[in-house]
PDB file of N, CA and C in Angstrom:
ATOM      1  N   MET A   1    -102.032 -18.618 -68.602  1.00  0.00           N
ATOM      2  CA  MET A   1    -103.104 -18.342 -69.750  1.00  0.00           C
ATOM      3  C   MET A   1    -104.215 -18.608 -69.081  1.00  0.00           C
ATOM      4  N   LEU A   2    -105.574 -17.710 -69.179  1.00  0.00           N
ATOM      5  CA  LEU A   2    -106.736 -18.215 -68.746  1.00  0.00           C
ATOM      6  C   LEU A   2    -107.761 -18.787 -69.664  1.00  0.00           C
ATOM      7  N   LYS A   3    -107.890 -19.878 -68.789  1.00  0.00           N
ATOM      8  CA  LYS A   3    -109.058 -20.543 -69.520  1.00  0.00           C
ATOM      9  C   LYS A   3    -110.430 -20.108 -69.259  1.00  0.00           C
ATOM     10  N   HIS A   4    -111.489 -19.990 -70.013  1.00  0.00           N
ATOM     11  CA  HIS A   4    -112.713 -19.738 -69.922  1.00  0.00           C
ATOM     12  C   HIS A   4    -113.502 -20.666 -69.752  1.00  0.00           C
ATOM     13  N   ARG A   5    -113.752 -21.391 -68.782  1.00  0.00           N
ATOM     14  CA  ARG A   5    -114.559 -22.114 -68.152  1.00  0.00           C
ATOM     15  C   ARG A   5    -115.738 -22.013 -69.008  1.00  0.00           C
ATOM     16  N   GLY A   6    -116.876 -23.062 -69.589  1.00  0.00           N
ATOM     17  CA  GLY A   6    -117.933 -22.893 -69.962  1.00  0.00           C
ATOM     18  C   GLY A   6    -118.036 -22.247 -70.959  1.00  0.00           C
ATOM     19  N   PHE A   7    -116.870 -21.415 -72.147  1.00  0.00           N
ATOM     20  CA  PHE A   7    -116.895 -21.261 -73.245  1.00  0.00           C
ATOM     21  C   PHE A   7    -117.090 -22.486 -74.576  1.00  0.00           C
ATOM     22  N   PRO A   8    -117.878 -22.947 -75.262  1.00  0.00           N
ATOM     23  CA  PRO A   8    -117.762 -23.697 -76.329  1.00  0.00           C
ATOM     24  C   PRO A   8    -116.219 -23.447 -76.731  1.00  0.00           C
ATOM     25  N   GLY A   9    -115.972 -25.071 -76.805  1.00  0.00           N
ATOM     26  CA  GLY A   9    -114.467 -25.345 -77.885  1.00  0.00           C
ATOM     27  C   GLY A   9    -114.171 -25.254 -79.399  1.00  0.00           C
ATOM     28  N   ARG A  10    -115.526 -25.349 -79.755  1.00  0.00           N
ATOM     29  CA  ARG A  10    -115.384 -25.014 -81.017  1.00  0.00           C
ATOM     30  C   ARG A  10    -117.575 -24.822 -81.696  1.00  0.00           C
ATOM     31  N   LEU A  11    -117.460 -24.864 -83.073  1.00  0.00           N
ATOM     32  CA  LEU A  11    -118.709 -25.021 -83.327  1.00  0.00           C
ATOM     33  C   LEU A  11    -119.454 -26.041 -83.708  1.00  0.00           C
ATOM     34  N   PRO A  12    -120.014 -26.599 -82.823  1.00  0.00           N
ATOM     35  CA  PRO A  12    -120.258 -27.850 -82.842  1.00  0.00           C
ATOM     36  C   PRO A  12    -121.188 -28.538 -84.242  1.00  0.00           C
ATOM     37  N   GLY A  13    -120.356 -30.049 -84.493  1.00  0.00           N
ATOM     38  CA  GLY A  13    -120.571 -30.584 -85.633  1.00  0.00           C
ATOM     39  C   GLY A  13    -119.745 -29.757 -86.717  1.00  0.00           C
ATOM     40  N   THR A  14    -119.435 -29.608 -86.430  1.00  0.00           N
ATOM     41  CA  THR A  14    -117.624 -28.904 -87.699  1.00  0.00           C
ATOM     42  C   THR A  14    -115.907 -28.323 -86.821  1.00  0.00           C
ATOM     43  N   ASP A  15    -114.959 -28.264 -87.388  1.00  0.00           N
ATOM     44  CA  ASP A  15    -113.897 -28.337 -87.094  1.00  0.00           C
ATOM     45  C   ASP A  15    -113.446 -26.738 -86.836  1.00  0.00           C
ATOM     46  N   PHE A  16    -114.459 -25.831 -86.600  1.00  0.00           N
ATOM     47  CA  PHE A  16    -114.526 -24.310 -86.498  1.00  0.00           C
ATOM     48  C   PHE A  16    -114.265 -24.280 -85.058  1.00  0.00           C
ATOM     49  N   GLN A  17    -112.707 -23.962 -84.627  1.00  0.00           N
ATOM     50  CA  GLN A  17    -112.393 -24.159 -83.178  1.00  0.00           C
ATOM     51  C   GLN A  17    -112.607 -22.968 -82.375  1.00  0.00           C
ATOM     52  N   PHE A  18    -113.363 -22.871 -81.231  1.00  0.00           N
ATOM     53  CA  PHE A  18    -113.264 -21.557 -80.583  1.00  0.00           C
ATOM     54  C   PHE A  18    -112.336 -21.238 -79.640  1.00  0.00           C
ATOM     55  N   THR A  19    -111.978 -22.058 -78.698  1.00  0.00           N
ATOM     56  CA  THR A  19    -110.377 -22.557 -77.692  1.00  0.00           C
ATOM     57  C   THR A  19    -109.671 -22.953 -78.560  1.00  0.00           C
ATOM     58  N   ILE A  20    -108.567 -22.574 -77.555  1.00  0.00           N
ATOM     59  CA  ILE A  20    -107.366 -23.597 -77.977  1.00  0.00           C
ATOM     60  C   ILE A  20    -107.041 -23.895 -76.194  1.00  0.00           C
ATOM     61  N   ARG A  21    -106.748 -25.649 -76.235  1.00  0.00           N
ATOM     62  CA  ARG A  21    -106.094 -26.383 -75.074  1.00  0.00           C
ATOM     63  C   ARG A  21    -105.101 -25.890 -74.466  1.00  0.00           C
ATOM     64  N   ARG A  22    -103.965 -25.280 -74.931  1.00  0.00           N
ATOM     65  CA  ARG A  22    -102.533 -25.239 -74.233  1.00  0.00           C
ATOM     66  C   ARG A  22    -102.200 -23.909 -75.268  1.00  0.00           C
ATOM     67  N   PRO A  23    -101.162 -23.247 -74.673  1.00  0.00           N
ATOM     68  CA  PRO A  23    -100.612 -22.031 -74.910  1.00  0.00           C
ATOM     69  C   PRO A  23     -99.352 -22.580 -76.014  1.00  0.00           C
ATOM     70  N   ASN A  24     -99.337 -21.685 -76.657  1.00  0.00           N
ATOM     71  CA  ASN A  24     -98.320 -22.215 -77.578  1.00  0.00           C
ATOM     72  C   ASN A  24     -96.818 -22.515 -77.455  1.00  0.00           C
ATOM     73  N   PRO A  25     -96.374 -23.325 -77.851  1.00  0.00           N
ATOM     74  CA  PRO A  25     -94.840 -23.566 -77.085  1.00  0.00           C
ATOM     75  C   PRO A  25     -93.769 -22.393 -77.983  1.00  0.00           C
ATOM     76  N   LYS A  26     -94.008 -21.909 -79.232  1.00  0.00           N
ATOM     77  CA  LYS A  26     -93.282 -21.356 -80.170  1.00  0.00           C
ATOM     78  C   LYS A  26     -93.647 -19.777 -80.025  1.00  0.00           C
ATOM     79  N   GLY A  27     -94.955 -19.820 -79.055  1.00  0.00           N
ATOM     80  CA  GLY A  27     -95.070 -18.403 -78.735  1.00  0.00           C
ATOM     81  C   GLY A  27     -96.366 -17.827 -79.350  1.00  0.00           C
ATOM     82  N   VAL A  28     -97.151 -17.034 -79.121  1.00  0.00           N
ATOM     83  CA  VAL A  28     -98.761 -16.428 -78.770  1.00  0.00           C
ATOM     84  C   VAL A  28     -98.587 -16.412 -80.107  1.00  0.00           C
ATOM     85  N   THR A  29     -99.532 -16.484 -80.552  1.00  0.00           N
ATOM     86  CA  THR A  29    -100.505 -16.529 -81.995  1.00  0.00           C
ATOM     87  C   THR A  29    -100.630 -14.623 -81.802  1.00  0.00           C
ATOM     88  N   PRO A  30    -100.925 -14.221 -82.727  1.00  0.00           N
ATOM     89  CA  PRO A  30    -101.106 -12.776 -82.689  1.00  0.00           C
ATOM     90  C   PRO A  30    -102.206 -12.484 -83.352  1.00  0.00           C
ATOM     91  N   ILE A  31    -102.949 -11.609 -82.734  1.00  0.00           N
ATOM     92  CA  ILE A  31    -104.537 -11.462 -83.069  1.00  0.00           C
ATOM     93  C   ILE A  31    -104.413 -10.201 -84.136  1.00  0.00           C
ATOM     94  N   THR A  32    -104.761 -10.620 -85.379  1.00  0.00           N
ATOM     95  CA  THR A  32    -104.623  -9.825 -86.519  1.00  0.00           C
ATOM     96  C   THR A  32    -106.095  -9.039 -86.661  1.00  0.00           C
ATOM     97  N   ARG A  33    -106.095  -8.284 -87.594  1.00  0.00           N
ATOM     98  CA  ARG A  33    -107.435  -7.887 -88.168  1.00  0.00           C
ATOM     99  C   ARG A  33    -107.614  -8.581 -89.903  1.00  0.00           C
ATOM    100  N   ARG A  34    -108.444  -9.324 -89.669  1.00  0.00           N
ATOM    101  CA  ARG A  34    -108.440 -10.255 -91.673  1.00  0.00           C
ATOM    102  C   ARG A  34    -109.845  -9.531 -91.753  1.00  0.00           C
ATOM    103  N   GLU A  35    -109.967  -9.111 -93.307  1.00  0.00           N
ATOM    104  CA  GLU A  35    -111.264  -8.550 -93.207  1.00  0.00           C
ATOM    105  C   GLU A  35    -112.347  -9.816 -94.103  1.00  0.00           C
ATOM    106  N   ARG A  36    -112.728  -9.241 -93.885  1.00  0.00           N
ATOM    107  CA  ARG A  36    -114.827 -10.689 -94.675  1.00  0.00           C
ATOM    108  C   ARG A  36    -114.721 -10.216 -95.110  1.00  0.00           C
ATOM    109  N   TYR A  37    -114.673 -10.803 -96.672  1.00  0.00           N
ATOM    110  CA  TYR A  37    -115.127 -10.241 -98.078  1.00  0.00           C
ATOM    111  C   TYR A  37    -116.747 -10.779 -97.575  1.00  0.00           C
ATOM    112  N   ARG A  38    -117.718 -10.519 -99.312  1.00  0.00           N
ATOM    113  CA  ARG A  38    -119.272 -10.786 -99.000  1.00  0.00           C
ATOM    114  C   ARG A  38    -119.162 -12.629 -99.395  1.00  0.00           C
ATOM    115  N   ASP A  39    -118.217 -12.401-100.095  1.00  0.00           N
ATOM    116  CA  ASP A  39    -118.184 -14.152-100.687  1.00  0.00           C
ATOM    117  C   ASP A  39    -117.652 -15.174-100.059  1.00  0.00           C
ATOM    118  N   ARG A  40    -117.582 -14.997 -98.597  1.00  0.00           N
ATOM    119  CA  ARG A  40    -117.156 -15.899 -97.575  1.00  0.00           C
ATOM    120  C   ARG A  40    -118.375 -17.319 -97.968  1.00  0.00           C
ATOM    121  N   ARG A  41    -117.673 -17.947 -97.095  1.00  0.00           N
ATOM    122  CA  ARG A  41    -119.088 -19.497 -97.419  1.00  0.00           C
ATOM    123  C   ARG A  41    -119.633 -19.580 -96.176  1.00  0.00           C
ATOM    124  N   ALA A  42    -120.892 -19.941 -96.182  1.00  0.00           N
ATOM    125  CA  ALA A  42    -121.928 -19.597 -95.524  1.00  0.00           C
ATOM    126  C   ALA A  42    -121.298 -20.177 -93.719  1.00  0.00           C
ATOM    127  N   PRO A  43    -120.705 -21.157 -93.862  1.00  0.00           N
ATOM    128  CA  PRO A  43    -120.200 -22.177 -92.816  1.00  0.00           C
ATOM    129  C   PRO A  43    -119.350 -21.184 -91.758  1.00  0.00           C
ATOM    130  N   ASP A  44    -118.269 -20.382 -93.013  1.00  0.00           N
ATOM    131  CA  ASP A  44    -117.742 -19.744 -92.183  1.00  0.00           C
ATOM    132  C   ASP A  44    -118.519 -18.467 -91.266  1.00  0.00           C
ATOM    133  N   ARG A  45    -119.199 -17.716 -92.649  1.00  0.00           N
ATOM    134  CA  ARG A  45    -120.570 -17.240 -91.564  1.00  0.00           C
ATOM    135  C   ARG A  45    -121.118 -17.601 -90.341  1.00  0.00           C
ATOM    136  N   ARG A  46    -121.929 -18.288 -90.517  1.00  0.00           N
ATOM    137  CA  ARG A  46    -121.952 -19.572 -88.938  1.00  0.00           C
ATOM    138  C   ARG A  46    -121.337 -19.860 -88.283  1.00  0.00           C
ATOM    139  N   ALA A  47    -119.648 -19.653 -88.233  1.00  0.00           N
ATOM    140  CA  ALA A  47    -119.094 -19.773 -87.387  1.00  0.00           C
ATOM    141  C   ALA A  47    -119.146 -18.103 -86.241  1.00  0.00           C
ATOM    142  N   ASP A  48    -118.791 -17.623 -87.597  1.00  0.00           N
ATOM    143  CA  ASP A  48    -118.453 -16.084 -86.673  1.00  0.00           C
ATOM    144  C   ASP A  48    -120.126 -15.487 -85.759  1.00  0.00           C
ATOM    145  N   ALA A  49    -120.692 -15.971 -86.369  1.00  0.00           N
ATOM    146  CA  ALA A  49    -121.813 -15.875 -85.557  1.00  0.00           C
ATOM    147  C   ALA A  49    -122.389 -16.564 -84.528  1.00  0.00           C
ATOM    148  N   ALA A  50    -121.749 -18.209 -84.537  1.00  0.00           N
ATOM    149  CA  ALA A  50    -121.471 -18.587 -83.112  1.00  0.00           C
ATOM    150  C   ALA A  50    -120.517 -18.190 -82.327  1.00  0.00           C
ATOM    151  N   PHE A  51    -119.814 -17.856 -82.666  1.00  0.00           N
ATOM    152  CA  PHE A  51    -118.715 -17.297 -81.707  1.00  0.00           C
ATOM    153  C   PHE A  51    -118.716 -16.227 -81.175  1.00  0.00           C
ATOM    154  N   MET A  52    -119.472 -15.360 -81.866  1.00  0.00           N
ATOM    155  CA  MET A  52    -120.077 -13.710 -81.240  1.00  0.00           C
ATOM    156  C   MET A  52    -121.361 -14.045 -80.218  1.00  0.00           C
ATOM    157  N   LYS A  53    -122.015 -15.063 -80.709  1.00  0.00           N
ATOM    158  CA  LYS A  53    -122.599 -15.418 -79.558  1.00  0.00           C
ATOM    159  C   LYS A  53    -122.656 -15.601 -78.126  1.00  0.00           C
ATOM    160  N   ALA A  54    -121.310 -16.669 -78.093  1.00  0.00           N
ATOM    161  CA  ALA A  54    -120.374 -17.685 -77.081  1.00  0.00           C
ATOM    162  C   ALA A  54    -120.341 -16.009 -76.163  1.00  0.00           C
ATOM    163  N   LEU A  55    -119.389 -15.261 -77.077  1.00  0.00           N
ATOM    164  CA  LEU A  55    -118.668 -13.747 -76.499  1.00  0.00           C
ATOM    165  C   LEU A  55    -119.531 -13.060 -76.243  1.00  0.00           C
ATOM    166  N   TRP A  56    -120.652 -13.186 -76.495  1.00  0.00           N
ATOM    167  CA  TRP A  56    -121.652 -11.893 -75.586  1.00  0.00           C
ATOM    168  C   TRP A  56    -122.845 -13.171 -74.844  1.00  0.00           C
ATOM    169  N   GLU A  57    -122.963 -14.185 -74.885  1.00  0.00           N
ATOM    170  CA  GLU A  57    -123.110 -14.627 -73.311  1.00  0.00           C
ATOM    171  C   GLU A  57    -122.195 -15.083 -72.588  1.00  0.00           C
ATOM    172  N   GLN A  58    -121.250 -15.112 -72.816  1.00  0.00           N
ATOM    173  CA  GLN A  58    -119.820 -15.364 -71.644  1.00  0.00           C
ATOM    174  C   GLN A  58    -120.036 -13.858 -71.141  1.00  0.00           C
ATOM    175  N   PHE A  59    -119.304 -12.443 -71.724  1.00  0.00           N
ATOM    176  CA  PHE A  59    -118.649 -12.055 -71.336  1.00  0.00           C
ATOM    177  C   PHE A  59    -119.850 -10.215 -71.057  1.00  0.00           C
ATOM    178  N   GLY A  60    -120.796 -10.326 -72.455  1.00  0.00           N
ATOM    179  CA  GLY A  60    -121.325  -8.941 -72.412  1.00  0.00           C
ATOM    180  C   GLY A  60    -121.222  -8.129 -72.683  1.00  0.00           C
ATOM    181  N   ASP A  61    -121.131  -6.929 -72.358  1.00  0.00           N
ATOM    182  CA  ASP A  61    -120.396  -5.814 -72.987  1.00  0.00           C
ATOM    183  C   ASP A  61    -119.061  -5.479 -72.066  1.00  0.00           C
ATOM    184  N   GLN A  62    -119.175  -6.212 -71.275  1.00  0.00           N
ATOM    185  CA  GLN A  62    -117.612  -5.463 -69.833  1.00  0.00           C
ATOM    186  C   GLN A  62    -116.504  -6.907 -70.668  1.00  0.00           C
ATOM    187  N   PRO A  63    -115.290  -6.189 -70.445  1.00  0.00           N
ATOM    188  CA  PRO A  63    -114.102  -6.045 -70.813  1.00  0.00           C
ATOM    189  C   PRO A  63    -113.525  -7.658 -70.377  1.00  0.00           C
ATOM    190  N   PHE A  64    -112.937  -8.252 -71.297  1.00  0.00           N
ATOM    191  CA  PHE A  64    -112.638  -9.678 -70.835  1.00  0.00           C
ATOM    192  C   PHE A  64    -110.700 -10.359 -71.468  1.00  0.00           C
ATOM    193  N   GLU A  65    -110.239 -10.914 -70.719  1.00  0.00           N
ATOM    194  CA  GLU A  65    -109.122 -11.165 -71.219  1.00  0.00           C
ATOM    195  C   GLU A  65    -108.665 -12.434 -72.196  1.00  0.00           C
ATOM    196  N   ARG A  66    -108.322 -12.454 -72.997  1.00  0.00           N
ATOM    197  CA  ARG A  66    -107.989 -13.101 -74.206  1.00  0.00           C
ATOM    198  C   ARG A  66    -108.112 -14.601 -74.564  1.00  0.00           C
ATOM    199  N   GLY A  67    -106.533 -14.928 -73.008  1.00  0.00           N
ATOM    200  CA  GLY A  67    -106.858 -16.369 -72.638  1.00  0.00           C
ATOM    201  C   GLY A  67    -106.973 -17.438 -73.475  1.00  0.00           C
ATOM    202  N   ASN A  68    -107.749 -18.170 -73.590  1.00  0.00           N
ATOM    203  CA  ASN A  68    -107.404 -19.102 -74.253  1.00  0.00           C
ATOM    204  C   ASN A  68    -108.394 -19.286 -75.192  1.00  0.00           C
ATOM    205  N   LEU A  69    -108.809 -18.163 -75.795  1.00  0.00           N
ATOM    206  CA  LEU A  69    -109.414 -17.966 -76.916  1.00  0.00           C
ATOM    207  C   LEU A  69    -108.684 -17.566 -78.258  1.00  0.00           C
ATOM    208  N   ASP A  70    -109.309 -18.735 -79.332  1.00  0.00           N
ATOM    209  CA  ASP A  70    -108.367 -19.018 -80.417  1.00  0.00           C
ATOM    210  C   ASP A  70    -108.176 -17.674 -81.556  1.00  0.00           C
ATOM    211  N   ALA A  71    -106.836 -17.256 -81.512  1.00  0.00           N
ATOM    212  CA  ALA A  71    -106.300 -16.098 -82.081  1.00  0.00           C
ATOM    213  C   ALA A  71    -106.949 -15.775 -83.566  1.00  0.00           C
ATOM    214  N   GLY A  72    -107.058 -17.093 -84.176  1.00  0.00           N
ATOM    215  CA  GLY A  72    -107.803 -17.078 -85.560  1.00  0.00           C
ATOM    216  C   GLY A  72    -108.923 -16.596 -85.840  1.00  0.00           C
ATOM    217  N   ARG A  73    -110.209 -16.982 -85.104  1.00  0.00           N
ATOM    218  CA  ARG A  73    -110.964 -16.999 -84.928  1.00  0.00           C
ATOM    219  C   ARG A  73    -111.700 -15.788 -84.488  1.00  0.00           C
ATOM    220  N   LEU A  74    -110.795 -15.303 -83.031  1.00  0.00           N
ATOM    221  CA  LEU A  74    -110.767 -13.527 -82.922  1.00  0.00           C
ATOM    222  C   LEU A  74    -110.379 -13.099 -83.944  1.00  0.00           C
ATOM    223  N   SER A  75    -109.499 -13.337 -84.695  1.00  0.00           N
ATOM    224  CA  SER A  75    -109.145 -11.882 -85.902  1.00  0.00           C
ATOM    225  C   SER A  75    -110.595 -11.749 -86.714  1.00  0.00           C
ATOM    226  N   TRP A  76    -110.915 -12.688 -87.626  1.00  0.00           N
ATOM    227  CA  TRP A  76    -111.952 -12.141 -87.695  1.00  0.00           C
ATOM    228  C   TRP A  76    -112.915 -11.291 -87.067  1.00  0.00           C
ATOM    229  N   LEU A  77    -113.060 -11.194 -85.859  1.00  0.00           N
ATOM    230  CA  LEU A  77    -113.882 -10.026 -85.787  1.00  0.00           C
ATOM    231  C   LEU A  77    -113.315  -8.727 -85.206  1.00  0.00           C
ATOM    232  N   PHE A  78    -112.410  -9.104 -84.996  1.00  0.00           N
ATOM    233  CA  PHE A  78    -110.884  -7.561 -84.173  1.00  0.00           C
ATOM    234  C   PHE A  78    -110.970  -6.211 -85.375  1.00  0.00           C
ATOM    235  N   GLY A  79    -110.862  -5.452 -84.320  1.00  0.00           N
ATOM    236  CA  GLY A  79    -111.093  -4.352 -85.255  1.00  0.00           C
ATOM    237  C   GLY A  79    -112.627  -4.227 -85.124  1.00  0.00           C
ATOM    238  N   ARG A  80    -113.239  -4.702 -85.460  1.00  0.00           N
ATOM    239  CA  ARG A  80    -114.934  -4.222 -85.664  1.00  0.00           C
ATOM    240  C   ARG A  80    -116.100  -4.633 -84.372  1.00  0.00           C
ATOM    241  N   GLU A  81    -116.132  -5.521 -84.579  1.00  0.00           N
ATOM    242  CA  GLU A  81    -116.564  -5.936 -83.556  1.00  0.00           C
ATOM    243  C   GLU A  81    -116.215  -6.790 -82.246  1.00  0.00           C
ATOM    244  N   VAL A  82    -115.537  -6.360 -82.011  1.00  0.00           N
ATOM    245  CA  VAL A  82    -114.293  -6.869 -80.733  1.00  0.00           C
ATOM    246  C   VAL A  82    -113.110  -6.250 -81.205  1.00  0.00           C
ATOM    247  N   VAL A  83    -112.974  -5.083 -79.884  1.00  0.00           N
ATOM    248  CA  VAL A  83    -112.042  -4.210 -80.807  1.00  0.00           C
ATOM    249  C   VAL A  83    -111.337  -4.303 -78.534  1.00  0.00           C
ATOM    250  N   ALA A  84    -110.117  -3.851 -78.859  1.00  0.00           N
ATOM    251  CA  ALA A  84    -109.072  -4.020 -77.522  1.00  0.00           C
ATOM    252  C   ALA A  84    -109.498  -2.618 -77.027  1.00  0.00           C
ATOM    253  N   VAL A  85    -109.043  -2.806 -75.334  1.00  0.00           N
ATOM    254  CA  VAL A  85    -110.147  -2.061 -74.665  1.00  0.00           C
ATOM    255  C   VAL A  85    -108.641  -0.951 -74.195  1.00  0.00           C
ATOM    256  N   ASP A  86    -107.239  -1.300 -74.425  1.00  0.00           N
ATOM    257  CA  ASP A  86    -105.840  -0.035 -74.113  1.00  0.00           C
ATOM    258  C   ASP A  86    -105.525   0.327 -75.220  1.00  0.00           C
ATOM    259  N   GLU A  87    -105.388   1.526 -75.635  1.00  0.00           N
ATOM    260  CA  GLU A  87    -104.453   1.562 -76.554  1.00  0.00           C
ATOM    261  C   GLU A  87    -102.738   1.032 -76.184  1.00  0.00           C
ATOM    262  N   ASP A  88    -102.198   0.366 -75.756  1.00  0.00           N
ATOM    263  CA  ASP A  88    -101.042  -0.454 -75.604  1.00  0.00           C
ATOM    264  C   ASP A  88    -101.232  -1.974 -75.767  1.00  0.00           C
ATOM    265  N   PHE A  89    -102.090  -1.867 -75.679  1.00  0.00           N
ATOM    266  CA  PHE A  89    -102.768  -3.337 -76.899  1.00  0.00           C
ATOM    267  C   PHE A  89    -101.476  -4.075 -77.512  1.00  0.00           C
ATOM    268  N   ASP A  90    -101.423  -5.230 -76.649  1.00  0.00           N
ATOM    269  CA  ASP A  90    -100.712  -6.069 -77.331  1.00  0.00           C
ATOM    270  C   ASP A  90    -101.247  -7.233 -78.273  1.00  0.00           C
ATOM    271  N   PRO A  91    -101.072  -7.180 -79.547  1.00  0.00           N
ATOM    272  CA  PRO A  91    -101.845  -8.511 -80.258  1.00  0.00           C
ATOM    273  C   PRO A  91    -101.324 -10.081 -79.673  1.00  0.00           C
ATOM    274  N   ALA A  92    -100.174  -9.724 -79.344  1.00  0.00           N
ATOM    275  CA  ALA A  92     -99.161 -11.191 -78.751  1.00  0.00           C
ATOM    276  C   ALA A  92     -99.576 -11.496 -77.634  1.00  0.00           C
ATOM    277  N   ASP A  93    -100.503 -10.964 -76.588  1.00  0.00           N
ATOM    278  CA  ASP A  93    -100.054 -11.575 -75.287  1.00  0.00           C
ATOM    279  C   ASP A  93    -102.198 -11.937 -74.687  1.00  0.00           C
ATOM    280  N   TYR A  94    -101.492 -13.117 -73.998  1.00  0.00           N
ATOM    281  CA  TYR A  94    -103.110 -13.894 -73.868  1.00  0.00           C
ATOM    282  C   TYR A  94    -103.592 -13.307 -72.762  1.00  0.00           C
ATOM    283  N   GLU A  95    -103.137 -12.334 -72.024  1.00  0.00           N
ATOM    284  CA  GLU A  95    -103.733 -11.389 -70.920  1.00  0.00           C
ATOM    285  C   GLU A  95    -103.983 -10.624 -71.571  1.00  0.00           C
ATOM    286  N   ALA A  96    -104.138  -9.849 -72.798  1.00  0.00           N
ATOM    287  CA  ALA A  96    -104.891  -8.623 -73.733  1.00  0.00           C
ATOM    288  C   ALA A  96    -106.405  -8.809 -73.185  1.00  0.00           C
ATOM    289  N   LEU A  97    -106.912  -7.775 -72.894  1.00  0.00           N
ATOM    290  CA  LEU A  97    -107.823  -6.983 -72.264  1.00  0.00           C
ATOM    291  C   LEU A  97    -108.911  -6.455 -73.757  1.00  0.00           C
ATOM    292  N   LEU A  98    -110.172  -7.522 -74.267  1.00  0.00           N
ATOM    293  CA  LEU A  98    -110.869  -6.670 -75.318  1.00  0.00           C
ATOM    294  C   LEU A  98    -112.042  -6.574 -74.672  1.00  0.00           C
ATOM    295  N   VAL A  99    -112.720  -5.847 -75.755  1.00  0.00           N
ATOM    296  CA  VAL A  99    -114.715  -6.080 -75.425  1.00  0.00           C
ATOM    297  C   VAL A  99    -115.230  -6.029 -76.802  1.00  0.00           C
ATOM    298  N   ILE A 100    -116.509  -6.497 -76.582  1.00  0.00           N
ATOM    299  CA  ILE A 100    -116.841  -6.298 -77.443  1.00  0.00           C
ATOM    300  C   ILE A 100    -118.047  -4.674 -78.277  1.00  0.00           C
ATOM    301  N   ASN A 101    -117.437  -4.261 -79.278  1.00  0.00           N
ATOM    302  CA  ASN A 101    -119.121  -3.243 -80.018  1.00  0.00           C
ATOM    303  C   ASN A 101    -119.774  -3.639 -80.010  1.00  0.00           C
ATOM    304  N   VAL A 102    -121.144  -3.330 -78.840  1.00  0.00           N
ATOM    305  CA  VAL A 102    -122.168  -4.212 -78.686  1.00  0.00           C
ATOM    306  C   VAL A 102    -122.878  -3.315 -80.136  1.00  0.00           C
ATOM    307  N   ASP A 103    -122.572  -1.842 -80.526  1.00  0.00           N
ATOM    308  CA  ASP A 103    -123.874  -1.841 -81.498  1.00  0.00           C
ATOM    309  C   ASP A 103    -123.311  -2.071 -82.541  1.00  0.00           C
ATOM    310  N   LEU A 104    -121.942  -2.571 -82.802  1.00  0.00           N
ATOM    311  CA  LEU A 104    -121.435  -3.176 -84.170  1.00  0.00           C
ATOM    312  C   LEU A 104    -121.949  -4.534 -84.261  1.00  0.00           C
ATOM    313  N   ALA A 105    -121.503  -4.964 -83.404  1.00  0.00           N
ATOM    314  CA  ALA A 105    -121.943  -6.406 -83.257  1.00  0.00           C
ATOM    315  C   ALA A 105    -123.458  -7.137 -83.648  1.00  0.00           C
ATOM    316  N   ARG A 106    -124.172  -5.893 -82.982  1.00  0.00           N
ATOM    317  CA  ARG A 106    -125.569  -5.995 -83.331  1.00  0.00           C
ATOM    318  C   ARG A 106    -126.047  -6.251 -84.803  1.00  0.00           C
ATOM    319  N   GLN A 107    -125.379  -4.887 -85.246  1.00  0.00           N
ATOM    320  CA  GLN A 107    -125.667  -5.064 -86.773  1.00  0.00           C
ATOM    321  C   GLN A 107    -125.178  -5.861 -87.855  1.00  0.00           C
ATOM    322  N   SER A 108    -123.866  -6.239 -87.200  1.00  0.00           N
ATOM    323  CA  SER A 108    -123.274  -7.609 -88.227  1.00  0.00           C
ATOM    324  C   SER A 108    -123.870  -8.875 -87.953  1.00  0.00           C
ATOM    325  N   PHE A 109    -124.471  -9.221 -86.660  1.00  0.00           N
ATOM    326  CA  PHE A 109    -124.605 -10.558 -86.101  1.00  0.00           C
ATOM    327  C   PHE A 109    -125.571 -10.319 -85.824  1.00  0.00           C
ATOM    328  N   PRO A 110    -126.759  -9.585 -86.134  1.00  0.00           N
ATOM    329  CA  PRO A 110    -128.510  -9.676 -85.032  1.00  0.00           C
ATOM    330  C   PRO A 110    -128.988 -11.183 -85.031  1.00  0.00           C
ATOM    331  N   GLU A 111    -128.359 -11.901 -85.618  1.00  0.00           N
ATOM    332  CA  GLU A 111    -129.148 -13.401 -85.109  1.00  0.00           C
ATOM    333  C   GLU A 111    -128.047 -13.799 -83.875  1.00  0.00           C
ATOM    334  N   ALA A 112    -127.236 -13.192 -82.907  1.00  0.00           N
ATOM    335  CA  ALA A 112    -126.240 -13.624 -82.202  1.00  0.00           C
ATOM    336  C   ALA A 112    -127.046 -13.245 -80.739  1.00  0.00           C
ATOM    337  N   PHE A 113    -128.271 -12.222 -81.141  1.00  0.00           N
ATOM    338  CA  PHE A 113    -128.674 -11.353 -80.110  1.00  0.00           C
ATOM    339  C   PHE A 113    -129.691 -11.530 -80.107  1.00  0.00           C
ATOM    340  N   GLU A 114    -130.751 -12.271 -81.010  1.00  0.00           N
ATOM    341  CA  GLU A 114    -131.949 -12.873 -81.116  1.00  0.00           C
ATOM    342  C   GLU A 114    -132.340 -12.933 -79.435  1.00  0.00           C
ATOM    343  N   ASP A 115    -132.367 -14.112 -78.760  1.00  0.00           N
ATOM    344  CA  ASP A 115    -132.346 -14.101 -77.474  1.00  0.00           C
ATOM    345  C   ASP A 115    -132.536 -12.888 -76.841  1.00  0.00           C
ATOM    346  N   GLU A 116    -131.813 -12.077 -77.269  1.00  0.00           N
ATOM    347  CA  GLU A 116    -131.547 -11.138 -75.541  1.00  0.00           C
ATOM    348  C   GLU A 116    -132.904  -9.793 -75.463  1.00  0.00           C
ATOM    349  N   GLY A 117    -133.874 -10.414 -77.199  1.00  0.00           N
ATOM    350  CA  GLY A 117    -134.908  -9.597 -76.301  1.00  0.00           C
ATOM    351  C   GLY A 117    -134.820  -7.849 -76.786  1.00  0.00           C
ATOM    352  N   TYR A 118    -133.439  -7.460 -77.860  1.00  0.00           N
ATOM    353  CA  TYR A 118    -133.402  -6.095 -78.587  1.00  0.00           C
ATOM    354  C   TYR A 118    -133.579  -5.622 -79.810  1.00  0.00           C
TER     355      TYR A 118
END
C-alpha cells in the first residue's frame, strides 16, 4: 500500500479521517459511490471540500494511486469528482488508479480551487 507522504491524515480539529495508517488485515475496503444529499450536515460538507482541496494540492489533474487514502472519504466523491482511470477498475485494490474530474470538482467545490486563481 502506497503511503501518500505530505497528505493530511484528517480534517484539523475533527475526527474526519483522510488516510489510513495500515492495510486492513481483513481485506481492502472497497470504494463505492455514496450519494450526497442536499441535507448533509455542514461539517460533512466541509470535510468533503477539505479532502478535495488536499487531493488537488497533492495530485492536480494527474492520475494517482489510491494507496492509503480512506475509502469512506473517497466514496463521497467517487463517480463524480474522482473517477477511475481504467475501465477494469478494482474498487478493492490499494493500487487502483484514480483521477480528479477537474471541471465537475470546480463546480462542486469551488472553495477547494480558490487559491488557484481560476
